Amino acid sequence: MTFEDNSDPYQGEAPCGRYARVYWPAVAVITSALVIALSMIWILGHPYPAGWDEADYNNRMLDDVAAVKEDGLWAGTGLLLQSDRSRPPAFRALALPVALLSGVSPVVLRLVALAFFPLTLVFVYLAASRVAGRLAGTTAVTVLAICPQIIDATKIFGTEYPLYLATAATLYFLLAEWDRGGETTFRWLGLGLALGLGMWSKASFALIGGTAVLICLLLSLRKSIRGPSVRFLAKSVILAAILACPWWLLNWREAVEYARFASGFARHSIGTGAWEVVTNWTLKIALKSVGPALTLLALAVFLTPLLGAFMRRRSAMSRTHTVALWTCLLTPLPLLLLHLFGSNHNMRLLSPAFIPFAVAFGVVAGRTSWTRLRWPTVVAGGAVLAQLLMIAQPLLMGVKGLEARCMDLLPSPPGATPAGHEHERASFFETVMVRDPIQVLVSRPQWDWQRLYDECRSLGINHPSIAYLGNSPPFNLPQIRNAWVRHREPVDVEWLWRYEEGALRWDDLLARLDDKNVVLTILRIYGSRFHRPHHLDNMHNVEFVERLKEDARFNGPLSLPMGRDGKAEVIMFVRRPGKESSAVEHR
């Protein structure tokens, strides 16, 4: 399964035939192009924000663009530095020039994020090829391009796209000096810029970039590698610190606090017991984040050198390759452990770990028969094709999206609490495969909240104060605010209750409606009732509507059709004239 190393151990190019030299570059280019094309099709089919986070980021971009146009670039820069003190602003800063030229829309912002994906793939190719040759680079690009979690994050405008670029660039500039002499100014500057971009992208980058630099520092101090040297690393880290200072000096307290909050955000928890968490976490990574075909291929590739060592065959991997491989595998370890032992098991937070994983995959594949002999190449190509077909299936086969799974809410029994629904455990399929690789490009609900804006204007409500009960990807606070932010008009939106708050106290909740002139809820949600956060947030919606029908302060209910097919609807109540404050009339 392995080859003798007959080439320069630093360049790492093992012998291969013309077939392999043509096949794997072609697979990498075609696979990457198809994934980008499919992502663009998905993007163009979703003109509105796809969830809470993306709606929030769109609203912030609208504020950024308005600040630059109205008050100048300096005011816009100040807004970038201080308007969102918990999140580093690289994702907004990189999209701002395009947004100023073309306007702010979810499609434009997503295309900006997607445009950085090829750059990430280029750095992944360069990183793997510098260690183990060009075939290693092409296989690394291929596996990263078909990683469902990476695709899911790069087609949405969010914080990940500069984070991925910074992670890939950091690995490249470290591995470009791997066990070599003759360090160049370009490379330490490049590493410093990559580390700086990472710190402007997300606080969690410190767990990836910091670990990679620390491993290289320890190896250099122990004289295990000739490069990168301590001096090289020191200059890069100093440059990165200088670049990161403007934002982090102002906002480090809020950023650290938010990182702690995000780590403990229990809505994405996948279990309570240790064994349940570890099992579900491993299965979610294998079946959802990496994908079943790619998981099986990765296991086979990484077992190849172990099998060769067991059979006492001479390895094609030199010491240089082995040390680089372990560096890539250990780099995401702190992030993996924090994710596993935290409460927030949202796999998007783990996704940067797949970049060093792809480089490690490329190093092993590039030095073994998986990229050299015909039958392993055919098996690997079949796995890539199977994964690509699973990802593309919703678009190629016309699979209906989440809007086709709209279901009516049922009234909860009297006195029901979130804790009373703990017995509603999902099956393995429900918990692990709710968003399997087949659903990466599935159509998501699209609600045009301009309809609510127009309805309020037609009713003479020019300064709405909105309260809402319930929650779903298209029905949440930043989604509701979006139309008013776009029109640069004030709006107050309050989420009345979320299941983490415990039992709902109706008297307190209804009393909070005294200063509200619009009240919203939903009676239909998307997907399975076993998606616990959304199910529990909506468990009182039916009773809420019945209580508001009897509330003398409000007229209604009015129905606003939503979604592509109009099957979804927002239930709307409007304050009656002269009923400005009657907190006891509903009792």
Protein backbone atom coordinates (compact mmCIF):
# COMPACT_ATOMS: atom_id res chain seq x y z
CA MET A 1 0.00 0.00 0.00
CA THR A 2 2.99 2.34 0.22
CA PHE A 3 5.90 3.44 -1.85
CA GLU A 4 9.56 3.92 -1.26
CA ASP A 5 10.69 7.49 -1.05
CA ASN A 6 12.94 8.01 -4.06
CA SER A 7 12.60 11.77 -4.19
CA ASP A 8 13.65 14.89 -2.34
CA PRO A 9 12.18 14.46 1.16
CA TYR A 10 11.52 18.17 1.42
CA GLN A 11 9.57 18.48 -1.81
CA GLY A 12 7.93 15.14 -1.11
CA GLU A 13 7.02 14.23 -4.69
CA ALA A 14 6.86 10.43 -4.86
CA PRO A 15 7.02 8.61 -8.20
CA CYS A 16 3.74 8.48 -10.11
CA GLY A 17 2.58 7.86 -13.63
CA ARG A 18 1.02 10.21 -16.12
CA TYR A 19 -2.43 8.85 -15.20
CA ALA A 20 -2.22 10.06 -11.60
CA ARG A 21 -0.65 13.38 -12.56
CA VAL A 22 -3.67 14.14 -14.75
CA TYR A 23 -6.46 12.40 -12.86
CA TRP A 24 -6.26 14.02 -9.42
CA PRO A 25 -5.79 17.64 -10.59
CA ALA A 26 -8.78 17.15 -12.89
CA VAL A 27 -10.87 15.72 -10.03
CA ALA A 28 -9.92 18.63 -7.77
CA VAL A 29 -10.76 21.30 -10.34
CA ILE A 30 -14.02 19.70 -11.50
CA THR A 31 -15.21 18.93 -7.97
CA SER A 32 -14.45 22.43 -6.69
CA ALA A 33 -16.10 24.05 -9.72
CA LEU A 34 -19.24 21.91 -9.32
CA VAL A 35 -19.54 22.67 -5.62
CA ILE A 36 -19.16 26.41 -6.24
CA ALA A 37 -21.70 26.27 -9.09
CA LEU A 38 -24.21 24.35 -6.97
CA SER A 39 -23.71 26.81 -4.11
CA MET A 40 -24.39 29.71 -6.48
CA ILE A 41 -27.62 28.06 -7.64
CA TRP A 42 -28.70 27.68 -4.01
CA ILE A 43 -27.76 31.31 -3.25
CA LEU A 44 -29.72 32.71 -6.20
CA GLY A 45 -32.75 30.68 -5.10
CA HIS A 46 -32.76 32.25 -1.61
CA PRO A 47 -33.30 36.01 -1.86
CA TYR A 48 -34.00 36.46 1.88
CA PRO A 49 -31.94 35.66 4.99
CA ALA A 50 -31.98 31.97 5.92
CA GLY A 51 -31.90 32.22 9.71
CA TRP A 52 -31.34 34.32 12.82
CA ASP A 53 -27.58 34.79 12.38
CA GLU A 54 -27.67 35.68 8.70
CA ALA A 55 -30.56 38.12 9.22
CA ASP A 56 -28.63 39.78 12.05
CA TYR A 57 -25.50 40.09 9.92
CA ASN A 58 -27.52 41.54 7.02
CA ASN A 59 -29.01 44.13 9.37
CA ARG A 60 -25.55 45.09 10.59
CA MET A 61 -24.29 45.44 7.02
CA LEU A 62 -27.22 47.75 6.26
CA ASP A 63 -26.17 49.88 9.24
CA ASP A 64 -22.52 49.87 8.12
CA VAL A 65 -23.34 50.97 4.58
CA ALA A 66 -25.72 53.67 5.80
CA ALA A 67 -23.08 55.01 8.20
CA VAL A 68 -20.45 55.27 5.45
CA LYS A 69 -22.85 56.93 2.99
CA GLU A 70 -24.28 59.37 5.50
CA ASP A 71 -21.30 60.20 7.72
CA GLY A 72 -18.23 59.11 5.75
CA LEU A 73 -15.67 56.33 5.92
CA TRP A 74 -14.40 57.32 9.36
CA ALA A 75 -17.86 56.90 10.89
CA GLY A 76 -18.22 53.55 9.14
CA THR A 77 -14.88 52.42 10.54
CA GLY A 78 -15.96 53.38 14.04
CA LEU A 79 -19.16 51.40 13.61
CA LEU A 80 -17.16 48.34 12.52
CA LEU A 81 -14.98 48.60 15.59
CA GLN A 82 -17.69 49.15 18.19
CA SER A 83 -21.21 48.35 16.95
CA ASP A 84 -20.84 44.61 17.62
CA ARG A 85 -18.34 44.33 20.44
CA SER A 86 -18.64 40.58 20.84
CA ARG A 87 -17.68 39.52 17.30
CA PRO A 88 -14.52 40.53 15.41
CA PRO A 89 -15.61 42.40 12.26
CA ALA A 90 -13.53 40.88 9.45
CA PHE A 91 -16.58 39.36 7.77
CA ARG A 92 -18.26 42.78 7.65
CA ALA A 93 -15.14 44.73 6.67
CA LEU A 94 -14.35 42.44 3.73
CA ALA A 95 -17.90 42.66 2.40
CA LEU A 96 -18.26 46.42 2.91
CA PRO A 97 -16.64 47.59 -0.38
CA VAL A 98 -18.89 45.32 -2.44
CA ALA A 99 -21.95 46.32 -0.42
CA LEU A 100 -21.18 50.00 -1.00
CA LEU A 101 -21.01 49.44 -4.75
CA SER A 102 -23.90 47.05 -5.28
CA GLY A 103 -26.11 47.52 -2.24
CA VAL A 104 -26.85 45.15 0.63
CA SER A 105 -28.80 41.99 -0.08
CA PRO A 106 -28.45 38.40 1.15
CA VAL A 107 -27.50 37.25 -2.36
CA VAL A 108 -24.70 39.81 -2.77
CA LEU A 109 -23.28 39.14 0.69
CA ARG A 110 -23.37 35.37 0.17
CA LEU A 111 -21.56 35.73 -3.14
CA VAL A 112 -18.85 37.71 -1.34
CA ALA A 113 -18.46 34.88 1.17
CA LEU A 114 -18.43 32.26 -1.60
CA ALA A 115 -15.76 34.19 -3.51
CA PHE A 116 -13.32 33.54 -0.66
CA PHE A 117 -13.82 29.78 -0.87
CA PRO A 118 -11.55 29.32 -3.94
CA LEU A 119 -8.85 31.34 -2.16
CA THR A 120 -9.13 29.01 0.82
CA LEU A 121 -8.78 26.00 -1.49
CA VAL A 122 -5.68 27.54 -3.11
CA PHE A 123 -3.94 27.87 0.26
CA VAL A 124 -4.95 24.32 1.20
CA TYR A 125 -3.41 23.10 -2.06
CA LEU A 126 -0.21 25.05 -1.45
CA ALA A 127 0.07 23.83 2.14
CA ALA A 128 -0.29 20.13 1.33
CA SER A 129 1.82 20.28 -1.84
CA ARG A 130 4.72 21.97 -0.02
CA VAL A 131 4.93 18.97 2.31
CA ALA A 132 4.06 15.98 0.14
CA GLY A 133 3.84 17.08 -3.47
CA ARG A 134 1.22 18.21 -5.95
CA LEU A 135 -0.94 15.10 -5.67
CA ALA A 136 -1.22 15.73 -1.94
CA GLY A 137 -2.40 19.25 -2.70
CA THR A 138 -5.05 18.14 -5.18
CA THR A 139 -6.47 15.46 -2.88
CA ALA A 140 -6.57 17.91 0.02
CA VAL A 141 -8.55 20.37 -2.13
CA THR A 142 -10.93 17.62 -3.23
CA VAL A 143 -11.86 16.44 0.27
CA LEU A 144 -12.29 19.98 1.60
CA ALA A 145 -14.48 20.94 -1.36
CA ILE A 146 -16.92 18.08 -0.67
CA CYS A 147 -17.02 18.53 3.11
CA PRO A 148 -20.71 19.27 3.85
CA GLN A 149 -20.04 21.48 6.87
CA ILE A 150 -17.64 23.67 4.89
CA ILE A 151 -20.12 23.98 2.01
CA ASP A 152 -22.93 24.84 4.41
CA ALA A 153 -20.94 27.68 5.97
CA THR A 154 -19.47 29.14 2.77
CA LYS A 155 -22.84 29.58 1.03
CA ILE A 156 -24.16 31.70 3.92
CA PHE A 157 -22.94 35.17 4.85
CA GLY A 158 -21.39 34.79 8.28
CA THR A 159 -18.20 34.88 10.30
CA GLU A 160 -16.69 31.71 8.84
CA TYR A 161 -15.47 32.73 5.40
CA PRO A 162 -12.53 34.91 6.56
CA LEU A 163 -11.85 32.39 9.33
CA TYR A 164 -11.40 29.59 6.77
CA LEU A 165 -9.09 31.73 4.67
CA ALA A 166 -7.00 32.71 7.69
CA THR A 167 -6.73 29.08 8.85
CA ALA A 168 -5.65 27.80 5.43
CA ALA A 169 -3.18 30.65 4.93
CA THR A 170 -1.68 30.10 8.39
CA LEU A 171 -1.06 26.43 7.59
CA TYR A 172 0.49 27.30 4.26
CA PHE A 173 2.94 29.89 5.57
CA LEU A 174 3.97 27.56 8.38
CA LEU A 175 4.41 24.56 6.09
CA ALA A 176 6.11 26.65 3.41
CA GLU A 177 9.07 26.86 5.80
CA TRP A 178 8.69 23.27 6.97
CA ASP A 179 12.10 21.79 7.76
CA ARG A 180 13.79 24.18 5.33
CA GLY A 181 16.36 26.89 5.67
CA GLY A 182 16.44 30.22 3.89
CA GLU A 183 13.41 31.91 5.46
CA THR A 184 12.03 34.82 3.44
CA THR A 185 10.48 38.14 4.44
CA PHE A 186 7.44 37.39 2.28
CA ARG A 187 6.61 34.28 4.28
CA TRP A 188 6.84 35.73 7.77
CA LEU A 189 4.83 38.72 6.61
CA GLY A 190 2.28 36.35 5.09
CA LEU A 191 2.04 34.35 8.32
CA GLY A 192 1.62 37.54 10.35
CA LEU A 193 -1.15 38.76 8.03
CA ALA A 194 -2.88 35.37 8.19
CA LEU A 195 -2.75 35.31 11.99
CA GLY A 196 -3.98 38.90 12.12
CA LEU A 197 -6.88 38.12 9.79
CA GLY A 198 -7.78 35.16 11.96
CA MET A 199 -7.94 37.29 15.09
CA TRP A 200 -10.15 39.77 13.21
CA SER A 201 -12.39 36.87 12.14
CA LYS A 202 -13.33 34.97 15.29
CA ALA A 203 -12.06 34.52 18.82
CA SER A 204 -11.92 30.74 18.35
CA PHE A 205 -9.15 31.20 15.78
CA ALA A 206 -6.75 31.42 18.72
CA LEU A 207 -7.40 27.72 19.33
CA ILE A 208 -6.39 26.82 15.76
CA GLY A 209 -3.76 29.39 14.81
CA GLY A 210 -2.29 29.62 18.29
CA THR A 211 -1.96 25.84 18.56
CA ALA A 212 -0.30 25.57 15.15
CA VAL A 213 2.24 28.26 16.03
CA LEU A 214 2.88 26.74 19.46
CA ILE A 215 3.54 23.28 17.99
CA CYS A 216 5.99 24.75 15.48
CA LEU A 217 7.69 26.73 18.23
CA LEU A 218 8.18 23.61 20.36
CA LEU A 219 9.50 21.63 17.40
CA SER A 220 11.89 24.43 16.52
CA LEU A 221 13.15 24.79 20.10
CA ARG A 222 13.79 21.04 20.24
CA LYS A 223 15.62 21.22 16.89
CA SER A 224 13.14 18.69 15.49
CA ILE A 225 12.69 20.82 12.37
CA ARG A 226 14.93 23.36 10.66
CA GLY A 227 12.09 25.75 9.99
CA PRO A 228 10.07 27.75 10.75
CA SER A 229 12.55 29.16 13.23
CA VAL A 230 11.81 30.86 16.53
CA ARG A 231 12.77 34.21 15.01
CA PHE A 232 10.44 33.66 12.06
CA LEU A 233 7.54 32.81 14.37
CA ALA A 234 8.26 35.71 16.72
CA LYS A 235 8.20 38.28 13.92
CA SER A 236 4.93 36.87 12.57
CA VAL A 237 3.24 36.84 15.98
CA ILE A 238 4.34 40.43 16.71
CA LEU A 239 2.91 41.58 13.37
CA ALA A 240 -0.34 39.72 14.06
CA ALA A 241 -0.61 41.31 17.52
CA ILE A 242 -0.14 44.78 16.03
CA LEU A 243 -2.85 44.11 13.45
CA ALA A 244 -5.27 42.67 16.02
CA CYS A 245 -4.83 45.45 18.58
CA PRO A 246 -7.29 48.08 17.20
CA TRP A 247 -10.30 45.84 17.75
CA TRP A 248 -9.21 43.62 20.61
CA LEU A 249 -7.99 46.43 22.88
CA LEU A 250 -11.44 48.00 22.64
CA ASN A 251 -13.55 44.89 22.86
CA TRP A 252 -11.64 42.05 24.50
CA ARG A 253 -13.91 41.86 27.55
CA GLU A 254 -17.08 41.56 25.47
CA ALA A 255 -15.45 39.09 23.06
CA VAL A 256 -14.26 36.81 25.84
CA GLU A 257 -17.62 36.97 27.57
CA TYR A 258 -19.44 36.14 24.35
CA ALA A 259 -17.09 33.23 23.68
CA ARG A 260 -17.97 31.83 27.11
CA PHE A 261 -21.67 32.34 26.43
CA ALA A 262 -21.44 30.65 23.03
CA SER A 263 -19.59 27.67 24.48
CA GLY A 264 -22.35 27.18 27.04
CA PHE A 265 -25.28 27.80 24.66
CA ALA A 266 -27.34 24.70 25.40
CA ARG A 267 -29.79 24.95 22.50
CA HIS A 268 -27.42 22.92 20.32
CA SER A 269 -26.60 20.35 22.99
CA ILE A 270 -26.81 16.77 21.70
CA GLY A 271 -27.20 14.91 25.00
CA THR A 272 -26.88 14.91 28.75
CA GLY A 273 -24.85 11.85 29.71
CA ALA A 274 -21.17 11.61 28.81
CA TRP A 275 -21.60 8.46 26.71
CA GLU A 276 -24.59 9.93 24.87
CA VAL A 277 -22.71 13.15 24.08
CA VAL A 278 -19.58 11.40 22.82
CA THR A 279 -21.59 8.96 20.70
CA ASN A 280 -23.86 11.57 19.13
CA TRP A 281 -20.96 13.99 18.66
CA THR A 282 -18.88 11.39 16.82
CA LEU A 283 -21.81 10.31 14.66
CA LYS A 284 -22.72 13.90 13.79
CA ILE A 285 -19.18 14.61 12.66
CA ALA A 286 -18.97 11.42 10.62
CA LEU A 287 -22.42 11.49 9.03
CA LYS A 288 -23.24 15.19 8.82
CA SER A 289 -20.15 17.38 9.00
CA VAL A 290 -17.75 15.18 7.03
CA GLY A 291 -20.27 12.97 5.25
CA PRO A 292 -20.54 9.17 5.11
CA ALA A 293 -18.59 8.59 1.90
CA LEU A 294 -15.77 10.92 2.88
CA THR A 295 -15.65 9.45 6.40
CA LEU A 296 -15.14 5.93 5.04
CA LEU A 297 -12.51 7.15 2.59
CA ALA A 298 -10.66 9.06 5.33
CA LEU A 299 -10.61 6.01 7.59
CA ALA A 300 -9.17 3.91 4.78
CA VAL A 301 -6.52 6.50 3.89
CA PHE A 302 -5.36 7.11 7.46
CA LEU A 303 -5.24 3.38 8.21
CA THR A 304 -2.95 2.76 5.22
CA PRO A 305 0.34 3.82 6.88
CA LEU A 306 -0.65 1.99 10.07
CA LEU A 307 -1.33 -1.16 8.09
CA GLY A 308 1.97 -0.75 6.28
CA ALA A 309 3.82 -0.42 9.59
CA PHE A 310 2.05 -3.51 10.96
CA MET A 311 3.08 -5.51 7.90
CA ARG A 312 6.61 -4.07 8.22
CA ARG A 313 6.63 -2.54 4.79
CA ARG A 314 8.96 0.33 4.06
CA SER A 315 7.06 3.57 4.36
CA ALA A 316 7.03 6.24 1.69
CA MET A 317 6.52 8.84 4.40
CA SER A 318 9.74 10.38 5.61
CA ARG A 319 10.22 11.87 9.05
CA THR A 320 9.45 15.29 7.56
CA HIS A 321 6.09 14.05 6.31
CA THR A 322 5.27 12.34 9.60
CA VAL A 323 6.02 15.39 11.75
CA ALA A 324 3.99 17.63 9.43
CA LEU A 325 1.14 15.12 9.49
CA TRP A 326 1.00 15.05 13.29
CA THR A 327 1.21 18.83 13.41
CA CYS A 328 -1.89 19.07 11.22
CA LEU A 329 -3.73 16.44 13.25
CA LEU A 330 -2.89 18.06 16.61
CA THR A 331 -3.61 21.64 15.52
CA PRO A 332 -7.42 21.38 15.88
CA LEU A 333 -7.27 19.28 19.07
CA PRO A 334 -8.04 22.14 21.56
CA LEU A 335 -11.00 23.23 19.44
CA LEU A 336 -12.27 19.65 19.24
CA LEU A 337 -12.01 19.14 23.01
CA LEU A 338 -13.67 22.46 23.84
CA HIS A 339 -16.49 21.67 21.44
CA LEU A 340 -16.96 18.14 22.80
CA PHE A 341 -16.97 19.08 26.49
CA GLY A 342 -18.93 22.31 26.06
CA SER A 343 -22.70 22.61 25.85
CA ASN A 344 -22.89 24.13 22.37
CA HIS A 345 -22.54 21.31 19.85
CA ASN A 346 -23.30 23.41 16.78
CA MET A 347 -21.02 21.78 14.19
CA ARG A 348 -20.42 25.09 12.45
CA LEU A 349 -18.23 26.10 15.39
CA LEU A 350 -16.09 23.04 14.74
CA SER A 351 -15.77 23.52 10.99
CA PRO A 352 -12.30 25.22 10.91
CA ALA A 353 -10.86 21.93 12.21
CA PHE A 354 -11.62 20.31 8.86
CA ILE A 355 -9.01 22.47 7.10
CA PRO A 356 -5.93 20.96 8.84
CA PHE A 357 -7.74 17.62 8.54
CA ALA A 358 -7.85 18.08 4.75
CA VAL A 359 -4.15 18.94 4.63
CA ALA A 360 -3.32 15.86 6.71
CA PHE A 361 -5.48 13.73 4.42
CA GLY A 362 -3.61 15.09 1.42
CA VAL A 363 -0.20 14.35 2.97
CA VAL A 364 -1.08 10.70 3.61
CA ALA A 365 -2.90 10.17 0.32
CA GLY A 366 -0.13 11.87 -1.62
CA ARG A 367 2.50 9.52 -0.20
CA THR A 368 0.58 6.23 -0.53
CA SER A 369 -1.06 4.16 -3.23
CA TRP A 370 -4.33 6.08 -2.96
CA THR A 371 -3.00 8.52 -5.54
CA ARG A 372 -0.62 6.17 -7.38
CA LEU A 373 -2.26 2.84 -8.26
CA ARG A 374 -5.37 2.42 -10.36
CA TRP A 375 -7.63 0.43 -8.04
CA PRO A 376 -7.17 2.65 -4.94
CA THR A 377 -7.62 5.67 -7.21
CA VAL A 378 -10.86 4.22 -8.58
CA VAL A 379 -12.15 3.52 -5.05
CA ALA A 380 -11.26 7.05 -3.91
CA GLY A 381 -12.83 8.55 -7.01
CA GLY A 382 -16.00 6.55 -6.39
CA ALA A 383 -16.22 7.85 -2.82
CA VAL A 384 -15.77 11.43 -4.04
CA LEU A 385 -18.48 10.94 -6.67
CA ALA A 386 -20.89 9.37 -4.15
CA GLN A 387 -20.41 12.25 -1.71
CA LEU A 388 -20.84 14.82 -4.47
CA LEU A 389 -24.08 13.19 -5.63
CA MET A 390 -25.45 13.20 -2.08
CA ILE A 391 -24.65 16.88 -1.73
CA ALA A 392 -26.10 17.80 -5.13
CA GLN A 393 -29.23 15.65 -4.87
CA PRO A 394 -31.62 18.38 -3.61
CA LEU A 395 -30.82 20.54 -6.64
CA LEU A 396 -30.38 17.82 -9.27
CA MET A 397 -33.42 15.74 -8.28
CA GLY A 398 -35.73 18.53 -7.21
CA VAL A 399 -35.95 17.44 -3.59
CA LYS A 400 -38.47 19.64 -1.77
CA GLY A 401 -37.11 21.76 1.00
CA LEU A 402 -38.17 22.46 4.54
CA GLU A 403 -41.21 24.45 3.40
CA ALA A 404 -42.73 21.15 2.23
CA ARG A 405 -42.56 19.93 5.84
CA CYS A 406 -44.72 22.68 7.32
CA MET A 407 -46.76 21.21 10.18
CA ASP A 408 -49.55 22.58 12.36
CA LEU A 409 -48.84 23.25 16.00
CA LEU A 410 -51.03 21.51 18.54
CA PRO A 411 -52.18 23.09 21.79
CA SER A 412 -50.11 22.08 24.80
CA PRO A 413 -51.93 20.62 27.80
CA PRO A 414 -52.77 23.05 30.62
CA GLY A 415 -49.78 23.84 32.81
CA ALA A 416 -47.30 22.36 30.33
CA THR A 417 -43.66 23.39 30.82
CA PRO A 418 -40.52 22.76 28.75
CA ALA A 419 -39.33 20.29 31.40
CA GLY A 420 -42.51 18.29 30.84
CA HIS A 421 -41.41 17.51 27.28
CA GLU A 422 -38.06 16.01 28.21
CA HIS A 423 -39.48 12.52 27.61
CA GLU A 424 -39.95 13.30 23.91
CA ARG A 425 -36.70 11.75 22.80
CA ALA A 426 -35.93 11.53 19.13
CA SER A 427 -34.78 8.44 17.35
CA PHE A 428 -31.22 8.09 16.14
CA PHE A 429 -32.32 9.22 12.68
CA GLU A 430 -34.09 12.29 14.09
CA THR A 431 -31.22 13.46 16.31
CA VAL A 432 -28.23 12.70 14.10
CA MET A 433 -29.57 12.92 10.55
CA VAL A 434 -31.89 15.93 10.85
CA ARG A 435 -29.51 17.75 8.51
CA ASP A 436 -27.60 14.98 6.79
CA PRO A 437 -25.28 15.63 3.82
CA ILE A 438 -28.23 15.28 1.44
CA GLN A 439 -29.72 18.42 3.00
CA VAL A 440 -26.74 20.74 2.70
CA LEU A 441 -28.23 22.35 -0.41
CA VAL A 442 -31.88 21.74 0.47
CA SER A 443 -34.22 24.68 -0.02
CA ARG A 444 -34.82 26.68 3.15
CA PRO A 445 -37.90 28.72 4.11
CA GLN A 446 -37.93 32.21 2.62
CA TRP A 447 -40.19 34.81 4.23
CA ASP A 448 -40.51 38.33 2.87
CA TRP A 449 -40.97 40.54 5.92
CA GLN A 450 -41.68 43.51 3.66
CA ARG A 451 -45.28 42.21 3.84
CA LEU A 452 -45.43 43.01 7.54
CA TYR A 453 -43.90 46.44 6.93
CA ASP A 454 -46.50 47.21 4.26
CA GLU A 455 -49.34 45.93 6.45
CA CYS A 456 -48.25 48.17 9.33
CA ARG A 457 -48.07 51.18 7.03
CA SER A 458 -51.53 50.46 5.62
CA LEU A 459 -52.90 50.34 9.18
CA GLY A 460 -51.26 53.68 10.02
CA ILE A 461 -48.65 52.15 12.32
CA ASN A 462 -45.57 54.18 11.37
CA HIS A 463 -43.56 53.47 14.52
CA PRO A 464 -44.33 49.87 15.43
CA SER A 465 -43.55 48.34 18.79
CA ILE A 466 -43.74 44.61 18.10
CA ALA A 467 -43.89 41.66 20.47
CA TYR A 468 -43.82 38.07 19.29
CA LEU A 469 -44.09 34.58 20.74
CA GLY A 470 -42.51 31.58 19.05
CA ASN A 471 -39.36 30.93 17.09
CA SER A 472 -38.18 29.33 13.85
CA PRO A 473 -35.45 30.07 11.28
CA PRO A 474 -37.63 32.54 9.30
CA PHE A 475 -39.52 33.84 12.36
CA ASN A 476 -37.26 35.59 14.85
CA LEU A 477 -36.14 39.01 16.04
CA PRO A 478 -33.58 40.00 13.35
CA GLN A 479 -35.80 38.62 10.57
CA ILE A 480 -38.74 40.75 11.74
CA ARG A 481 -36.53 43.86 12.06
CA ASN A 482 -35.01 43.46 8.57
CA ALA A 483 -37.59 45.45 6.57
CA TRP A 484 -37.43 48.45 8.92
CA VAL A 485 -33.64 48.41 9.00
CA ARG A 486 -33.64 48.37 5.20
CA HIS A 487 -35.95 51.41 5.14
CA ARG A 488 -33.86 53.14 7.83
CA GLU A 489 -36.90 53.48 10.10
CA PRO A 490 -37.15 52.78 13.84
CA VAL A 491 -38.78 49.60 15.13
CA ASP A 492 -38.90 47.94 18.52
CA VAL A 493 -39.11 44.13 18.55
CA GLU A 494 -39.31 42.00 21.70
CA TRP A 495 -39.21 38.21 22.01
CA LEU A 496 -41.68 37.46 24.78
CA TRP A 497 -40.54 34.02 25.95
CA ARG A 498 -38.02 31.31 25.16
CA TYR A 499 -38.08 27.82 26.61
CA GLU A 500 -34.85 28.27 28.61
CA GLU A 501 -36.75 30.72 30.85
CA GLY A 502 -38.82 27.86 32.28
CA ALA A 503 -42.56 27.86 32.87
CA LEU A 504 -44.44 30.64 31.08
CA ARG A 505 -46.25 33.05 33.43
CA TRP A 506 -49.21 34.30 31.42
CA ASP A 507 -50.07 37.29 33.59
CA ASP A 508 -46.54 38.66 33.38
CA LEU A 509 -46.31 37.98 29.64
CA LEU A 510 -49.63 39.63 28.78
CA ALA A 511 -48.82 42.63 30.96
CA ARG A 512 -45.72 43.23 28.81
CA LEU A 513 -48.02 43.89 25.84
CA ASP A 514 -49.27 47.19 27.31
CA ASP A 515 -46.83 49.28 25.28
CA LYS A 516 -46.99 47.12 22.12
CA ASN A 517 -49.11 47.96 19.09
CA VAL A 518 -48.39 44.80 17.08
CA VAL A 519 -48.26 41.21 18.37
CA LEU A 520 -47.13 38.26 16.24
CA THR A 521 -46.99 34.50 16.48
CA ILE A 522 -47.05 31.44 14.22
CA LEU A 523 -49.24 28.33 14.21
CA ARG A 524 -47.19 26.27 11.76
CA ILE A 525 -43.49 25.33 12.00
CA TYR A 526 -41.04 23.53 9.76
CA GLY A 527 -39.59 20.08 10.16
CA SER A 528 -39.87 17.56 12.95
CA ARG A 529 -41.33 18.21 16.38
CA PHE A 530 -38.18 16.52 17.71
CA HIS A 531 -36.14 19.60 16.80
CA ARG A 532 -36.54 20.47 20.46
CA PRO A 533 -35.51 24.15 20.60
CA HIS A 534 -38.03 25.24 17.97
CA HIS A 535 -40.71 22.86 19.21
CA LEU A 536 -40.44 24.06 22.81
CA ASP A 537 -40.31 27.74 21.86
CA ASN A 538 -43.64 27.31 20.06
CA MET A 539 -45.41 25.09 22.59
CA HIS A 540 -47.65 27.94 23.84
CA ASN A 541 -48.44 29.64 20.52
CA VAL A 542 -51.90 28.12 20.11
CA GLU A 543 -52.98 29.16 23.60
CA PHE A 544 -51.45 32.61 23.02
CA VAL A 545 -53.72 33.15 20.01
CA GLU A 546 -56.79 32.07 21.97
CA ARG A 547 -55.96 34.45 24.82
CA LEU A 548 -55.38 37.38 22.44
CA LYS A 549 -58.73 36.75 20.76
CA GLU A 550 -60.33 37.49 24.14
CA ASP A 551 -58.03 40.43 24.92
CA ALA A 552 -59.91 43.74 24.67
CA ARG A 553 -56.70 45.60 23.82
CA PHE A 554 -56.19 44.00 20.40
CA ASN A 555 -57.98 43.43 17.14
CA GLY A 556 -57.38 40.23 15.25
CA PRO A 557 -56.26 37.78 14.33
CA LEU A 558 -55.01 38.86 10.91
CA SER A 559 -53.18 36.40 8.71
CA LEU A 560 -50.06 37.24 6.69
CA PRO A 561 -49.23 34.48 4.15
CA MET A 562 -45.51 33.71 4.10
CA GLY A 563 -43.13 31.46 2.21
CA ARG A 564 -42.78 30.57 -1.45
CA ASP A 565 -46.12 28.77 -1.59
CA GLY A 566 -47.96 30.89 0.98
CA LYS A 567 -48.69 27.85 3.16
CA ALA A 568 -46.94 29.40 6.14
CA GLU A 569 -48.57 32.35 7.86
CA VAL A 570 -47.87 34.89 10.56
CA ILE A 571 -50.75 35.55 12.96
CA MET A 572 -50.99 39.28 13.66
CA PHE A 573 -52.88 41.23 16.33
CA VAL A 574 -53.10 45.04 16.26
CA ARG A 575 -53.84 47.34 19.19
CA ARG A 576 -57.31 48.85 19.20
CA PRO A 577 -57.53 52.66 19.21
CA GLY A 578 -57.92 54.01 22.72
CA LYS A 579 -56.60 50.82 24.36
CA GLU A 580 -53.16 52.13 25.20
CA SER A 581 -52.82 50.64 28.69
CA SER A 582 -55.30 48.28 30.23
CA ALA A 583 -53.18 45.68 31.86
CA VAL A 584 -56.03 43.96 33.69
CA GLU A 585 -58.67 43.71 30.97
CA HIS A 586 -57.33 40.39 29.73
CA ARG A 587 -57.65 38.73 33.15
